[in-house]
Protein backbone atom coordinates (compact mmCIF):
# COMPACT_ATOMS: atom_id res chain seq x y z
CA UNK A 1 43.46 74.07 56.26
CA UNK A 2 46.80 74.68 58.20
CA UNK A 3 49.61 71.81 57.07
CA UNK A 4 52.55 74.23 58.90
CA UNK A 5 52.54 71.87 61.49
CA UNK A 6 53.40 68.63 59.53
CA UNK A 7 55.45 70.83 57.41
CA UNK A 8 57.57 71.72 60.46
CA UNK A 9 57.74 68.36 61.43
CA UNK A 10 59.31 67.03 58.20
CA UNK A 11 61.84 69.64 58.02
CA UNK A 12 62.92 68.55 61.50
CA UNK A 13 62.84 65.05 60.95
CA UNK A 14 65.19 65.42 57.41
CA UNK A 15 67.25 68.08 59.40
CA UNK A 16 67.36 66.60 62.92
CA UNK A 17 68.63 70.64 64.33
CA UNK A 18 66.21 72.93 65.46
CA UNK A 19 68.41 75.98 63.93
CA UNK A 20 68.76 74.33 60.44
CA UNK A 21 64.91 73.76 60.35
CA UNK A 22 63.70 76.59 61.99
CA UNK A 23 65.78 78.48 59.31
CA UNK A 24 64.29 76.40 56.53
CA UNK A 25 60.84 76.93 57.62
CA UNK A 26 61.02 80.73 58.23
CA UNK A 27 60.22 80.43 61.85
CA UNK A 28 61.66 81.47 64.71
CA UNK A 29 63.35 78.10 66.83
CA UNK A 30 61.06 78.71 69.42
CA UNK A 31 58.43 78.92 67.26
CA UNK A 32 59.15 75.40 65.67
CA UNK A 33 59.82 74.21 68.83
CA UNK A 34 56.22 75.31 69.74
CA UNK A 35 54.85 73.55 66.91
CA UNK A 36 56.46 70.23 67.27
CA UNK A 37 55.49 70.71 70.94
CA UNK A 38 51.48 70.88 70.11
CA UNK A 39 51.89 68.59 67.62
CA UNK A 40 53.09 65.58 70.20
CA UNK A 41 50.44 66.89 73.03
CA UNK A 42 47.85 65.95 70.06
CA UNK A 43 49.05 62.62 69.46
CA UNK A 44 49.84 61.93 72.99
CA UNK A 45 53.45 61.06 72.07
CA UNK A 46 56.86 61.95 71.62
CA UNK A 47 58.25 62.42 67.86
CA UNK A 48 61.62 63.40 68.70
CA UNK A 49 64.14 62.46 71.55
CA UNK A 50 66.20 65.74 72.15
CA UNK A 51 68.20 67.20 74.50
CA UNK A 52 71.14 70.35 74.03
CA UNK A 53 72.76 68.76 71.90
CA UNK A 54 70.96 66.06 70.17
CA UNK A 55 67.58 65.53 67.96
CA UNK A 56 66.67 62.33 66.83
CA UNK A 57 63.30 60.69 65.98
CA UNK A 58 61.34 58.00 68.26
CA UNK A 59 59.83 54.93 67.17
CA UNK A 60 56.89 56.80 66.97
CA UNK A 61 58.43 59.92 65.01
CA UNK A 62 59.47 57.73 62.17
CA UNK A 63 55.83 55.57 61.97
CA UNK A 64 54.53 59.17 61.78
CA UNK A 65 56.98 61.19 59.28
CA UNK A 66 55.43 58.67 56.78
CA UNK A 67 51.83 59.73 57.53
CA UNK A 68 53.21 63.49 58.05
CA UNK A 69 54.75 62.84 53.91
CA UNK A 70 51.81 61.23 52.39
CA UNK A 71 49.66 63.79 53.86
CA UNK A 72 51.29 67.08 52.90
CA UNK A 73 51.64 64.83 49.06
CA UNK A 74 47.79 64.41 48.71
CA UNK A 75 47.11 67.68 50.03
CA UNK A 76 49.44 69.54 47.59
CA UNK A 77 47.99 67.04 44.99
CA UNK A 78 44.23 67.87 45.59
CA UNK A 79 44.88 71.54 46.05
CA UNK A 80 46.84 72.25 42.84
CA UNK A 81 44.23 69.75 40.84
CA UNK A 82 41.63 72.45 41.88
CA UNK A 83 43.91 75.30 40.70
CA UNK A 84 44.76 73.68 37.79
CA UNK A 85 40.74 73.57 37.24
CA UNK A 86 40.29 77.64 37.57
CA UNK A 87 43.31 77.82 35.05
CA UNK A 88 46.55 78.62 38.13
CA UNK A 89 48.93 76.94 39.50
CA UNK A 90 50.46 77.73 42.19
CA UNK A 91 53.73 76.42 44.76
CA UNK A 92 56.85 75.42 44.35
CA UNK A 93 59.02 72.91 43.27
CA UNK A 94 62.94 71.47 44.45
CA UNK A 95 65.63 70.65 42.14
CA UNK A 96 68.37 68.93 42.66
CA UNK A 97 71.58 69.20 40.06
CA UNK A 98 75.63 69.85 39.92
CA UNK A 99 76.62 73.19 39.47
CA UNK A 100 77.58 72.37 35.87
CA UNK A 101 74.14 71.59 35.01
CA UNK A 102 72.76 74.58 36.60
CA UNK A 103 74.10 76.49 33.91
CA UNK A 104 73.80 74.23 31.55
CA UNK A 105 70.52 72.91 31.14
CA UNK A 106 67.99 75.31 33.48
CA UNK A 107 67.77 78.10 31.58
CA UNK A 108 66.69 76.41 28.68
CA UNK A 109 64.67 74.11 30.46
CA UNK A 110 62.47 76.61 32.71
CA UNK A 111 63.04 79.88 30.71
CA UNK A 112 59.11 79.08 29.10
CA UNK A 113 58.13 77.38 32.37
CA UNK A 114 58.50 80.17 34.44
CA UNK A 115 56.82 82.46 31.85
CA UNK A 116 54.14 80.28 31.22
CA UNK A 117 53.42 78.95 35.32
CA UNK A 118 54.86 82.12 37.05
CA UNK A 119 52.62 81.48 40.18
CA UNK A 120 55.50 78.32 40.36
CA UNK A 121 58.02 78.77 42.89
CA UNK A 122 61.32 76.92 41.98
CA UNK A 123 63.70 76.10 44.82
CA UNK A 124 67.99 75.24 43.13
CA UNK A 125 69.67 73.25 45.43
CA UNK A 126 73.26 72.16 43.83
CA UNK A 127 76.08 69.52 45.01
CA UNK A 128 77.54 66.13 44.38
CA UNK A 129 75.62 64.61 41.32
CA UNK A 130 75.80 61.34 42.25
CA UNK A 131 73.10 62.49 45.27
CA UNK A 132 71.10 63.60 42.91
CA UNK A 133 68.57 60.46 42.70
CA UNK A 134 69.30 59.34 46.28
CA UNK A 135 68.36 62.56 47.53
CA UNK A 136 64.59 61.87 44.75
CA UNK A 137 63.72 58.45 46.37
CA UNK A 138 64.13 59.70 49.63
CA UNK A 139 61.61 62.90 48.95
CA UNK A 140 64.39 65.49 49.60
CA UNK A 141 63.88 67.03 46.56
CA UNK A 142 60.85 66.39 43.99
CA UNK A 143 63.37 66.24 40.88
CA UNK A 144 66.79 66.00 40.06
CA UNK A 145 68.66 66.53 36.85
CA UNK A 146 71.19 63.51 36.79
CA UNK A 147 72.85 60.67 35.03
CA UNK A 148 71.19 57.53 34.46
CA UNK A 149 72.66 54.82 36.25
CA UNK A 150 72.65 51.36 34.12
CA UNK A 151 69.76 49.86 36.14
CA UNK A 152 67.18 52.53 36.76
CA UNK A 153 65.51 52.66 39.93
CA UNK A 154 62.22 50.91 40.70
CA UNK A 155 59.48 53.63 40.40
CA UNK A 156 61.56 56.82 39.08
CA UNK A 157 61.00 58.16 35.84
CA UNK A 158 63.75 59.22 33.48
CA UNK A 159 63.77 61.63 30.56
CA UNK A 160 66.75 61.94 28.37
CA UNK A 161 68.71 66.05 27.80
CA UNK A 162 71.91 65.30 26.56
CA UNK A 163 74.37 62.59 25.93
CA UNK A 164 78.15 63.31 27.05
CA UNK A 165 81.13 61.14 26.79
CA UNK A 166 83.26 60.57 29.61
CA UNK A 167 86.67 60.90 29.11
CA UNK A 168 90.24 60.79 30.86
CA UNK A 169 92.26 63.94 31.50
CA UNK A 170 95.66 64.71 32.28
CA UNK A 171 97.60 67.90 32.94
CA UNK A 172 98.58 70.06 30.19
CA UNK A 173 102.07 69.94 31.88
CA UNK A 174 103.81 66.67 31.38
CA UNK A 175 104.73 64.11 33.96
CA UNK A 176 106.45 61.11 34.16
CA UNK A 177 103.23 59.44 35.33
CA UNK A 178 100.94 60.41 32.60
CA UNK A 179 100.46 57.33 30.38
CA UNK A 180 102.96 57.99 27.31
CA UNK A 181 100.73 55.72 24.50
CA UNK A 182 96.80 55.91 25.76
CA UNK A 183 95.68 54.34 22.56
CA UNK A 184 96.83 50.97 23.60
CA UNK A 185 96.23 50.71 27.15
CA UNK A 186 98.24 48.32 29.59
CA UNK A 187 98.79 47.47 33.20
CA UNK A 188 102.18 48.10 33.02
CA UNK A 189 101.25 51.85 31.84
CA UNK A 190 98.56 52.39 34.04
CA UNK A 191 99.30 50.74 37.46
CA UNK A 192 101.11 53.82 38.48
CA UNK A 193 99.16 56.85 37.67
CA UNK A 194 97.54 58.98 40.21
CA UNK A 195 93.83 59.26 39.91
CA UNK A 196 91.72 61.63 40.85
CA UNK A 197 87.81 59.76 40.75
CA UNK A 198 84.16 60.35 42.15
CA UNK A 199 83.52 59.18 45.34
CA UNK A 200 80.65 57.53 44.13
CA UNK A 201 78.34 57.39 40.91
CA UNK A 202 78.38 56.22 37.68
CA UNK A 203 81.61 57.83 36.30
CA UNK A 204 83.15 55.85 39.47
CA UNK A 205 81.68 52.62 38.44
CA UNK A 206 82.24 52.77 35.17
CA UNK A 207 85.91 53.59 35.75
CA UNK A 208 86.83 50.61 38.24
CA UNK A 209 85.29 48.99 35.50
CA UNK A 210 87.89 49.97 33.06
CA UNK A 211 90.36 49.55 35.53
CA UNK A 212 89.51 46.05 36.01
CA UNK A 213 89.58 44.94 32.85
CA UNK A 214 93.08 45.71 33.02
CA UNK A 215 93.49 43.52 35.85
CA UNK A 216 94.39 45.84 38.20
CA UNK A 217 92.88 48.09 40.25
CA UNK A 218 93.22 52.56 40.33
CA UNK A 219 96.14 54.05 42.27
CA UNK A 220 93.55 56.82 44.23
CA UNK A 221 95.19 59.82 45.15
CA UNK A 222 91.87 61.36 45.48
CA UNK A 223 88.47 60.88 46.23
CA UNK A 224 86.17 64.27 45.59
CA UNK A 225 82.39 65.09 45.36
CA UNK A 226 81.62 66.68 42.23
CA UNK A 227 83.47 66.54 38.50
CA UNK A 228 83.84 70.22 39.24
CA UNK A 229 86.62 69.44 41.42
CA UNK A 230 88.33 66.73 39.70
CA UNK A 231 89.28 69.23 36.58
CA UNK A 232 90.93 71.58 39.47
CA UNK A 233 92.38 69.03 40.81
CA UNK A 234 94.09 67.48 37.48
CA UNK A 235 94.30 71.14 36.05
CA UNK A 236 97.04 71.64 39.40
CA UNK A 237 98.91 68.43 38.23
CA UNK A 238 97.66 65.95 40.77
CA UNK A 239 96.78 63.08 38.30
CA UNK A 240 94.33 62.05 35.98
CA UNK A 241 90.83 62.22 36.14
CA UNK A 242 87.33 61.24 34.59
CA UNK A 243 84.60 63.39 33.80
CA UNK A 244 81.93 64.11 31.53
CA UNK A 245 83.07 65.86 28.93
CA UNK A 246 79.99 68.51 28.96
CA UNK A 247 81.66 68.95 32.85
CA UNK A 248 85.06 69.70 30.91
CA UNK A 249 83.49 72.35 28.15
CA UNK A 250 81.79 74.61 30.99
CA UNK A 251 85.28 74.67 33.36
CA UNK A 252 87.07 77.36 33.47
CA UNK A 253 89.93 75.78 33.67
CA UNK A 254 89.67 73.59 30.70
CA UNK A 255 92.63 75.06 29.25
CA UNK A 256 94.31 73.61 31.81
CA UNK A 257 93.80 69.68 30.91
CA UNK A 258 93.87 67.59 27.94
CA UNK A 259 91.98 64.83 26.96
CA UNK A 260 93.71 61.23 27.06
CA UNK A 261 92.57 59.49 23.79
CA UNK A 262 92.17 56.26 25.73
CA UNK A 263 91.27 53.11 23.97
CA UNK A 264 89.00 51.56 24.50
CA UNK A 265 86.72 54.92 24.64
CA UNK A 266 84.33 55.11 28.20
CA UNK A 267 80.46 54.80 27.22
CA UNK A 268 78.60 58.01 26.88
CA UNK A 269 76.99 59.62 29.88
CA UNK A 270 73.11 60.03 29.55
CA UNK A 271 72.03 64.04 31.61
CA UNK A 272 68.64 63.94 31.98
CA UNK A 273 65.34 64.96 34.35
CA UNK A 274 64.44 62.24 36.70
CA UNK A 275 61.03 62.14 39.22
CA UNK A 276 59.57 59.55 41.36
CA UNK A 277 56.47 58.31 39.24
CA UNK A 278 53.99 58.61 42.00
CA UNK A 279 55.16 62.53 42.20
CA UNK A 280 53.91 63.10 38.60
CA UNK A 281 50.58 62.72 39.70
CA UNK A 282 51.38 66.41 41.30
CA UNK A 283 49.82 69.15 38.33
CA UNK A 284 53.25 71.23 39.40
CA UNK A 285 54.96 68.58 39.21
CA UNK A 286 53.30 67.04 35.69
CA UNK A 287 53.24 70.81 34.32
CA UNK A 288 57.19 70.94 35.02
CA UNK A 289 57.41 67.43 33.47
CA UNK A 290 55.37 67.78 30.15
CA UNK A 291 57.78 70.78 29.12
CA UNK A 292 60.71 68.94 29.10
CA UNK A 293 61.23 67.47 25.43
CA UNK A 294 63.24 64.28 25.40
CA UNK A 295 66.26 63.92 23.48
CA UNK A 296 67.69 60.48 22.09
């Protein structure tokens, strides 16, 4: 069975860009366009509204999107189940994580798995950790290495890999706005401290809660995507930041900052592997999931 037209459709629906979609599908833009046209002709409806500048899903396209995604998932599950019966697994698994997670966890996570299942291709995407769970929930990634939120979204499974405390960091150089006594924080000390914080995610939620307990809002100097950039900006003297200690320890700029012994301490950052429960019906996904030993 040729499932390529459905894959072409889903890729274009995700990117809404013929150039990027054709590159991701490893076909020419004209081949991709012809595949979409043939799909529309067989259905008798337009799936995309498109002109020279814009591509958008039609109402029928949105309806077909759910069907195409479910059909491909069921096909992959069946194909992989048959291969497992034959003691062979082939296919691909996409994993999303931050840059730090890519070199902190992936070797231990995947080295034995690659030896055991050489036919499984692993696709790694890196970016802002705050986008990890949304990408898994949206079906854009099979799995993600990310922090566990306070409330795990329904339908999501999570295995803990490690725990790392969240810490306040400041530049090594002296600045008048760095709190003199962080062990006894007060609104007076922290009201004018320039903060470099994540745009979203657990560390931002925890930071906001900590400042709310002081009765003030943080003075935001910059909001960034990704903890690695926070270490860089703090090292340059732009402000105080909040990052997981694991990110700080892995950073090449760790010597340019120092940890502030702030009280009360921030909670730990529980880092692990997450996946949609329904995706565990895939033998490929289940094989990798079983390979991961949860750490308490």
